[in-house]
PDB file of all heavy atoms in Angstrom:
ATOM      1  N   GLY A   1      -5.312  -0.940   8.335  1.00  0.00           N
ATOM      2  CA  GLY A   1      -4.411  -1.660   9.221  1.00  0.00           C
ATOM      3  C   GLY A   1      -2.976  -1.566   8.768  1.00  0.00           C
ATOM      4  O   GLY A   1      -2.453  -0.474   8.533  1.00  0.00           O
ATOM      5  N   VAL A   2      -2.341  -2.722   8.635  1.00  0.00           N
ATOM      6  CA  VAL A   2      -0.954  -2.758   8.161  1.00  0.00           C
ATOM      7  C   VAL A   2      -0.878  -2.206   6.745  1.00  0.00           C
ATOM      8  O   VAL A   2      -1.700  -2.546   5.886  1.00  0.00           O
ATOM      9  CB  VAL A   2      -0.411  -4.198   8.206  1.00  0.00           C
ATOM     10  CG1 VAL A   2       0.900  -4.314   7.435  1.00  0.00           C
ATOM     11  CG2 VAL A   2      -0.201  -4.642   9.646  1.00  0.00           C
ATOM     12  N   VAL A   3       0.083  -1.334   6.486  1.00  0.00           N
ATOM     13  CA  VAL A   3       0.355  -0.804   5.150  1.00  0.00           C
ATOM     14  C   VAL A   3       1.855  -0.918   4.904  1.00  0.00           C
ATOM     15  O   VAL A   3       2.653  -0.976   5.849  1.00  0.00           O
ATOM     16  CB  VAL A   3      -0.092   0.675   5.001  1.00  0.00           C
ATOM     17  CG1 VAL A   3      -1.603   0.793   5.023  1.00  0.00           C
ATOM     18  CG2 VAL A   3       0.527   1.545   6.096  1.00  0.00           C
ATOM     19  N   PHE A   4       2.222  -0.959   3.633  1.00  0.00           N
ATOM     20  CA  PHE A   4       3.652  -1.027   3.326  1.00  0.00           C
ATOM     21  C   PHE A   4       3.915  -0.456   1.948  1.00  0.00           C
ATOM     22  O   PHE A   4       3.031  -0.374   1.105  1.00  0.00           O
ATOM     23  CB  PHE A   4       4.168  -2.465   3.404  1.00  0.00           C
ATOM     24  CG  PHE A   4       3.704  -3.366   2.291  1.00  0.00           C
ATOM     25  CD1 PHE A   4       4.491  -3.568   1.170  1.00  0.00           C
ATOM     26  CD2 PHE A   4       2.475  -4.001   2.359  1.00  0.00           C
ATOM     27  CE1 PHE A   4       4.071  -4.388   0.132  1.00  0.00           C
ATOM     28  CE2 PHE A   4       2.044  -4.827   1.333  1.00  0.00           C
ATOM     29  CZ  PHE A   4       2.842  -5.028   0.222  1.00  0.00           C
ATOM     30  N   GLU A   5       5.162  -0.053   1.740  1.00  0.00           N
ATOM     31  CA  GLU A   5       5.623   0.408   0.433  1.00  0.00           C
ATOM     32  C   GLU A   5       6.995  -0.206   0.164  1.00  0.00           C
ATOM     33  O   GLU A   5       7.800  -0.400   1.082  1.00  0.00           O
ATOM     34  CB  GLU A   5       5.692   1.932   0.369  1.00  0.00           C
ATOM     35  CG  GLU A   5       4.326   2.591   0.401  1.00  0.00           C
ATOM     36  CD  GLU A   5       4.382   4.091   0.201  1.00  0.00           C
ATOM     37  OE1 GLU A   5       5.473   4.679   0.419  1.00  0.00           O
ATOM     38  OE2 GLU A   5       3.368   4.683  -0.166  1.00  0.00           O
ATOM     39  N   CYS A   6       7.242  -0.499  -1.104  1.00  0.00           N
ATOM     40  CA  CYS A   6       8.529  -1.051  -1.532  1.00  0.00           C
ATOM     41  C   CYS A   6       9.414   0.089  -2.023  1.00  0.00           C
ATOM     42  O   CYS A   6       8.966   0.938  -2.808  1.00  0.00           O
ATOM     43  CB  CYS A   6       8.307  -2.069  -2.647  1.00  0.00           C
ATOM     44  SG  CYS A   6       9.836  -2.693  -3.399  1.00  0.00           S
ATOM     45  N   PHE A   7      10.661   0.110  -1.569  1.00  0.00           N
ATOM     46  CA  PHE A   7      11.615   1.135  -1.979  1.00  0.00           C
ATOM     47  C   PHE A   7      12.921   0.502  -2.454  1.00  0.00           C
ATOM     48  O   PHE A   7      13.308  -0.580  -1.999  1.00  0.00           O
ATOM     49  CB  PHE A   7      11.922   2.090  -0.823  1.00  0.00           C
ATOM     50  CG  PHE A   7      10.882   3.147  -0.615  1.00  0.00           C
ATOM     51  CD1 PHE A   7       9.785   2.898   0.191  1.00  0.00           C
ATOM     52  CD2 PHE A   7      10.983   4.378  -1.242  1.00  0.00           C
ATOM     53  CE1 PHE A   7       8.817   3.862   0.384  1.00  0.00           C
ATOM     54  CE2 PHE A   7      10.018   5.360  -1.056  1.00  0.00           C
ATOM     55  CZ  PHE A   7       8.926   5.097  -0.244  1.00  0.00           C
ATOM     56  N   ASP A   8      13.570   1.194  -3.368  1.00  0.00           N
ATOM     57  CA  ASP A   8      14.917   0.861  -3.819  1.00  0.00           C
ATOM     58  C   ASP A   8      15.890   1.198  -2.687  1.00  0.00           C
ATOM     59  O   ASP A   8      15.944   2.347  -2.238  1.00  0.00           O
ATOM     60  CB  ASP A   8      15.225   1.681  -5.078  1.00  0.00           C
ATOM     61  CG  ASP A   8      16.638   1.489  -5.598  1.00  0.00           C
ATOM     62  OD1 ASP A   8      17.398   0.692  -5.013  1.00  0.00           O
ATOM     63  OD2 ASP A   8      16.991   2.150  -6.587  1.00  0.00           O
ATOM     64  N   THR A   9      16.643   0.205  -2.202  1.00  0.00           N
ATOM     65  CA  THR A   9      17.532   0.450  -1.071  1.00  0.00           C
ATOM     66  C   THR A   9      18.659   1.424  -1.393  1.00  0.00           C
ATOM     67  O   THR A   9      19.218   2.039  -0.493  1.00  0.00           O
ATOM     68  CB  THR A   9      18.146  -0.868  -0.564  1.00  0.00           C
ATOM     69  OG1 THR A   9      18.791  -1.530  -1.665  1.00  0.00           O
ATOM     70  CG2 THR A   9      17.084  -1.780   0.017  1.00  0.00           C
ATOM     71  N   THR A  10      18.991   1.567  -2.677  1.00  0.00           N
ATOM     72  CA  THR A  10      20.079   2.487  -3.042  1.00  0.00           C
ATOM     73  C   THR A  10      19.597   3.922  -3.189  1.00  0.00           C
ATOM     74  O   THR A  10      20.406   4.837  -3.277  1.00  0.00           O
ATOM     75  CB  THR A  10      20.744   2.059  -4.361  1.00  0.00           C
ATOM     76  OG1 THR A  10      19.835   2.288  -5.451  1.00  0.00           O
ATOM     77  CG2 THR A  10      21.148   0.594  -4.323  1.00  0.00           C
ATOM     78  N   GLY A  11      18.269   4.112  -3.267  1.00  0.00           N
ATOM     79  CA  GLY A  11      17.723   5.445  -3.443  1.00  0.00           C
ATOM     80  C   GLY A  11      17.759   5.945  -4.874  1.00  0.00           C
ATOM     81  O   GLY A  11      17.354   7.081  -5.148  1.00  0.00           O
ATOM     82  N   THR A  12      18.229   5.122  -5.803  1.00  0.00           N
ATOM     83  CA  THR A  12      18.294   5.544  -7.203  1.00  0.00           C
ATOM     84  C   THR A  12      16.895   5.797  -7.766  1.00  0.00           C
ATOM     85  O   THR A  12      16.670   6.780  -8.478  1.00  0.00           O
ATOM     86  CB  THR A  12      19.019   4.483  -8.045  1.00  0.00           C
ATOM     87  OG1 THR A  12      20.314   4.252  -7.497  1.00  0.00           O
ATOM     88  CG2 THR A  12      19.150   4.946  -9.497  1.00  0.00           C
ATOM     89  N   VAL A  13      15.972   4.896  -7.470  1.00  0.00           N
ATOM     90  CA  VAL A  13      14.571   5.137  -7.817  1.00  0.00           C
ATOM     91  C   VAL A  13      14.000   5.959  -6.677  1.00  0.00           C
ATOM     92  O   VAL A  13      13.760   5.456  -5.580  1.00  0.00           O
ATOM     93  CB  VAL A  13      13.786   3.819  -7.983  1.00  0.00           C
ATOM     94  CG1 VAL A  13      12.336   4.097  -8.353  1.00  0.00           C
ATOM     95  CG2 VAL A  13      14.444   2.942  -9.044  1.00  0.00           C
ATOM     96  N   GLY A  14      13.800   7.222  -6.916  1.00  0.00           N
ATOM     97  CA  GLY A  14      13.527   8.166  -5.841  1.00  0.00           C
ATOM     98  C   GLY A  14      12.113   8.221  -5.343  1.00  0.00           C
ATOM     99  O   GLY A  14      11.718   9.207  -4.707  1.00  0.00           O
ATOM    100  N   ARG A  15      11.320   7.208  -5.598  1.00  0.00           N
ATOM    101  CA  ARG A  15       9.948   7.198  -5.111  1.00  0.00           C
ATOM    102  C   ARG A  15       9.566   5.759  -4.796  1.00  0.00           C
ATOM    103  O   ARG A  15      10.301   4.820  -5.106  1.00  0.00           O
ATOM    104  CB  ARG A  15       8.991   7.775  -6.159  1.00  0.00           C
ATOM    105  CG  ARG A  15       9.112   7.143  -7.526  1.00  0.00           C
ATOM    106  CD  ARG A  15       8.019   7.589  -8.465  1.00  0.00           C
ATOM    107  NE  ARG A  15       6.701   7.195  -7.950  1.00  0.00           N
ATOM    108  CZ  ARG A  15       5.594   7.246  -8.670  1.00  0.00           C
ATOM    109  NH1 ARG A  15       5.640   7.675  -9.909  1.00  0.00           N
ATOM    110  NH2 ARG A  15       4.456   6.879  -8.161  1.00  0.00           N
ATOM    111  N   SER A  16       8.423   5.593  -4.183  1.00  0.00           N
ATOM    112  CA  SER A  16       7.933   4.253  -3.880  1.00  0.00           C
ATOM    113  C   SER A  16       7.794   3.446  -5.169  1.00  0.00           C
ATOM    114  O   SER A  16       7.286   3.946  -6.174  1.00  0.00           O
ATOM    115  CB  SER A  16       6.576   4.353  -3.174  1.00  0.00           C
ATOM    116  OG  SER A  16       5.945   3.102  -3.095  1.00  0.00           O
ATOM    117  N   VAL A  17       8.273   2.203  -5.139  1.00  0.00           N
ATOM    118  CA  VAL A  17       8.148   1.334  -6.303  1.00  0.00           C
ATOM    119  C   VAL A  17       6.725   0.808  -6.418  1.00  0.00           C
ATOM    120  O   VAL A  17       6.140   0.767  -7.494  1.00  0.00           O
ATOM    121  CB  VAL A  17       9.154   0.166  -6.217  1.00  0.00           C
ATOM    122  CG1 VAL A  17       9.018  -0.763  -7.419  1.00  0.00           C
ATOM    123  CG2 VAL A  17      10.579   0.705  -6.130  1.00  0.00           C
ATOM    124  N   PHE A  18       6.139   0.402  -5.297  1.00  0.00           N
ATOM    125  CA  PHE A  18       4.731   0.012  -5.235  1.00  0.00           C
ATOM    126  C   PHE A  18       4.349  -0.104  -3.767  1.00  0.00           C
ATOM    127  O   PHE A  18       5.186   0.038  -2.877  1.00  0.00           O
ATOM    128  CB  PHE A  18       4.454  -1.306  -5.976  1.00  0.00           C
ATOM    129  CG  PHE A  18       5.207  -2.498  -5.457  1.00  0.00           C
ATOM    130  CD1 PHE A  18       4.774  -3.201  -4.335  1.00  0.00           C
ATOM    131  CD2 PHE A  18       6.359  -2.943  -6.092  1.00  0.00           C
ATOM    132  CE1 PHE A  18       5.469  -4.295  -3.849  1.00  0.00           C
ATOM    133  CE2 PHE A  18       7.060  -4.048  -5.617  1.00  0.00           C
ATOM    134  CZ  PHE A  18       6.609  -4.719  -4.489  1.00  0.00           C
ATOM    135  N   GLY A  19       3.078  -0.355  -3.501  1.00  0.00           N
ATOM    136  CA  GLY A  19       2.633  -0.458  -2.117  1.00  0.00           C
ATOM    137  C   GLY A  19       1.370  -1.270  -1.987  1.00  0.00           C
ATOM    138  O   GLY A  19       0.769  -1.706  -2.972  1.00  0.00           O
ATOM    139  N   GLY A  20       0.963  -1.454  -0.741  1.00  0.00           N
ATOM    140  CA  GLY A  20      -0.252  -2.205  -0.467  1.00  0.00           C
ATOM    141  C   GLY A  20      -0.624  -2.099   0.989  1.00  0.00           C
ATOM    142  O   GLY A  20      -0.013  -1.338   1.753  1.00  0.00           O
ATOM    143  N   GLY A  21      -1.627  -2.869   1.385  1.00  0.00           N
ATOM    144  CA  GLY A  21      -2.046  -2.833   2.774  1.00  0.00           C
ATOM    145  C   GLY A  21      -3.428  -3.410   2.978  1.00  0.00           C
ATOM    146  O   GLY A  21      -4.052  -3.951   2.053  1.00  0.00           O
ATOM    147  N   ARG A  22      -3.922  -3.248   4.192  1.00  0.00           N
ATOM    148  CA  ARG A  22      -5.216  -3.811   4.586  1.00  0.00           C
ATOM    149  C   ARG A  22      -6.306  -2.754   4.457  1.00  0.00           C
ATOM    150  O   ARG A  22      -6.110  -1.601   4.832  1.00  0.00           O
ATOM    151  CB  ARG A  22      -5.116  -4.333   6.028  1.00  0.00           C
ATOM    152  CG  ARG A  22      -6.404  -4.962   6.544  1.00  0.00           C
ATOM    153  CD  ARG A  22      -6.163  -5.822   7.756  1.00  0.00           C
ATOM    154  NE  ARG A  22      -5.548  -7.097   7.395  1.00  0.00           N
ATOM    155  CZ  ARG A  22      -6.223  -8.147   6.927  1.00  0.00           C
ATOM    156  NH1 ARG A  22      -7.538  -8.056   6.728  1.00  0.00           N
ATOM    157  NH2 ARG A  22      -5.593  -9.266   6.635  1.00  0.00           N
ATOM    158  N   TYR A  23      -7.469  -3.193   3.937  1.00  0.00           N
ATOM    159  CA  TYR A  23      -8.619  -2.294   3.784  1.00  0.00           C
ATOM    160  C   TYR A  23      -9.890  -3.043   4.176  1.00  0.00           C
ATOM    161  O   TYR A  23     -10.692  -3.448   3.355  1.00  0.00           O
ATOM    162  CB  TYR A  23      -8.686  -1.723   2.359  1.00  0.00           C
ATOM    163  CG  TYR A  23      -8.624  -2.729   1.236  1.00  0.00           C
ATOM    164  CD1 TYR A  23      -9.784  -3.145   0.580  1.00  0.00           C
ATOM    165  CD2 TYR A  23      -7.401  -3.261   0.807  1.00  0.00           C
ATOM    166  CE1 TYR A  23      -9.743  -4.058  -0.456  1.00  0.00           C
ATOM    167  CE2 TYR A  23      -7.351  -4.180  -0.225  1.00  0.00           C
ATOM    168  CZ  TYR A  23      -8.518  -4.564  -0.853  1.00  0.00           C
ATOM    169  OH  TYR A  23      -8.477  -5.486  -1.881  1.00  0.00           O
ATOM    170  N   ASP A  24     -10.090  -3.179   5.488  1.00  0.00           N
ATOM    171  CA  ASP A  24     -11.144  -4.040   6.010  1.00  0.00           C
ATOM    172  C   ASP A  24     -12.556  -3.479   5.865  1.00  0.00           C
ATOM    173  O   ASP A  24     -13.526  -4.234   5.982  1.00  0.00           O
ATOM    174  CB  ASP A  24     -10.880  -4.339   7.490  1.00  0.00           C
ATOM    175  CG  ASP A  24      -9.732  -5.319   7.682  1.00  0.00           C
ATOM    176  OD1 ASP A  24      -9.338  -5.971   6.697  1.00  0.00           O
ATOM    177  OD2 ASP A  24      -9.234  -5.430   8.823  1.00  0.00           O
ATOM    178  N   ASP A  25     -12.696  -2.184   5.642  1.00  0.00           N
ATOM    179  CA  ASP A  25     -14.034  -1.583   5.635  1.00  0.00           C
ATOM    180  C   ASP A  25     -14.616  -1.382   4.238  1.00  0.00           C
ATOM    181  O   ASP A  25     -15.788  -1.011   4.105  1.00  0.00           O
ATOM    182  CB  ASP A  25     -13.998  -0.223   6.350  1.00  0.00           C
ATOM    183  CG  ASP A  25     -13.590  -0.345   7.813  1.00  0.00           C
ATOM    184  OD1 ASP A  25     -13.797  -1.440   8.381  1.00  0.00           O
ATOM    185  OD2 ASP A  25     -13.068   0.639   8.365  1.00  0.00           O
ATOM    186  N   LEU A  26     -13.828  -1.631   3.203  1.00  0.00           N
ATOM    187  CA  LEU A  26     -14.261  -1.235   1.863  1.00  0.00           C
ATOM    188  C   LEU A  26     -15.436  -2.079   1.362  1.00  0.00           C
ATOM    189  O   LEU A  26     -16.375  -1.546   0.759  1.00  0.00           O
ATOM    190  CB  LEU A  26     -13.100  -1.325   0.876  1.00  0.00           C
ATOM    191  CG  LEU A  26     -13.331  -0.633  -0.472  1.00  0.00           C
ATOM    192  CD1 LEU A  26     -13.567   0.857  -0.276  1.00  0.00           C
ATOM    193  CD2 LEU A  26     -12.141  -0.847  -1.394  1.00  0.00           C
ATOM    194  N   ILE A  27     -15.411  -3.374   1.584  1.00  0.00           N
ATOM    195  CA  ILE A  27     -16.498  -4.223   1.091  1.00  0.00           C
ATOM    196  C   ILE A  27     -17.824  -3.823   1.734  1.00  0.00           C
ATOM    197  O   ILE A  27     -18.853  -3.697   1.051  1.00  0.00           O
ATOM    198  CB  ILE A  27     -16.195  -5.709   1.378  1.00  0.00           C
ATOM    199  CG1 ILE A  27     -14.874  -6.128   0.742  1.00  0.00           C
ATOM    200  CG2 ILE A  27     -17.340  -6.593   0.884  1.00  0.00           C
ATOM    201  CD1 ILE A  27     -14.821  -5.983  -0.750  1.00  0.00           C
ATOM    202  N   GLU A  28     -17.804  -3.592   3.026  1.00  0.00           N
ATOM    203  CA  GLU A  28     -19.017  -3.156   3.714  1.00  0.00           C
ATOM    204  C   GLU A  28     -19.473  -1.799   3.190  1.00  0.00           C
ATOM    205  O   GLU A  28     -20.663  -1.538   3.041  1.00  0.00           O
ATOM    206  CB  GLU A  28     -18.773  -3.088   5.221  1.00  0.00           C
ATOM    207  CG  GLU A  28     -20.021  -2.839   6.040  1.00  0.00           C
ATOM    208  CD  GLU A  28     -19.750  -2.906   7.532  1.00  0.00           C
ATOM    209  OE1 GLU A  28     -18.568  -3.067   7.923  1.00  0.00           O
ATOM    210  OE2 GLU A  28     -20.712  -2.804   8.311  1.00  0.00           O
ATOM    211  N   GLY A  29     -18.513  -0.940   2.884  1.00  0.00           N
ATOM    212  CA  GLY A  29     -18.851   0.371   2.329  1.00  0.00           C
ATOM    213  C   GLY A  29     -19.503   0.294   0.965  1.00  0.00           C
ATOM    214  O   GLY A  29     -20.196   1.221   0.546  1.00  0.00           O
ATOM    215  N   PHE A  30     -19.294  -0.819   0.263  1.00  0.00           N
ATOM    216  CA  PHE A  30     -19.926  -1.035  -1.039  1.00  0.00           C
ATOM    217  C   PHE A  30     -21.249  -1.795  -0.912  1.00  0.00           C
ATOM    218  O   PHE A  30     -21.822  -2.227  -1.909  1.00  0.00           O
ATOM    219  CB  PHE A  30     -18.981  -1.807  -1.963  1.00  0.00           C
ATOM    220  CG  PHE A  30     -18.035  -0.922  -2.718  1.00  0.00           C
ATOM    221  CD1 PHE A  30     -17.026  -0.247  -2.070  1.00  0.00           C
ATOM    222  CD2 PHE A  30     -18.157  -0.756  -4.085  1.00  0.00           C
ATOM    223  CE1 PHE A  30     -16.147   0.572  -2.765  1.00  0.00           C
ATOM    224  CE2 PHE A  30     -17.280   0.056  -4.796  1.00  0.00           C
ATOM    225  CZ  PHE A  30     -16.276   0.726  -4.129  1.00  0.00           C
ATOM    226  N   GLY A  31     -21.721  -1.953   0.327  1.00  0.00           N
ATOM    227  CA  GLY A  31     -23.005  -2.598   0.525  1.00  0.00           C
ATOM    228  C   GLY A  31     -22.927  -4.079   0.826  1.00  0.00           C
ATOM    229  O   GLY A  31     -23.966  -4.749   0.891  1.00  0.00           O
ATOM    230  N   GLY A  32     -21.726  -4.617   1.021  1.00  0.00           N
ATOM    231  CA  GLY A  32     -21.580  -6.031   1.299  1.00  0.00           C
ATOM    232  C   GLY A  32     -21.504  -6.326   2.784  1.00  0.00           C
ATOM    233  O   GLY A  32     -21.577  -5.423   3.627  1.00  0.00           O
TER     234      GLY A  32
END
């Protein structure tokens, strides 16, 4: 579903700082 990544607004850190998002199917995929 929704996903996001954190970025440095100045561009000095030239890659994603961190990220996250929704993963609704993973628990069921593990047998839950």
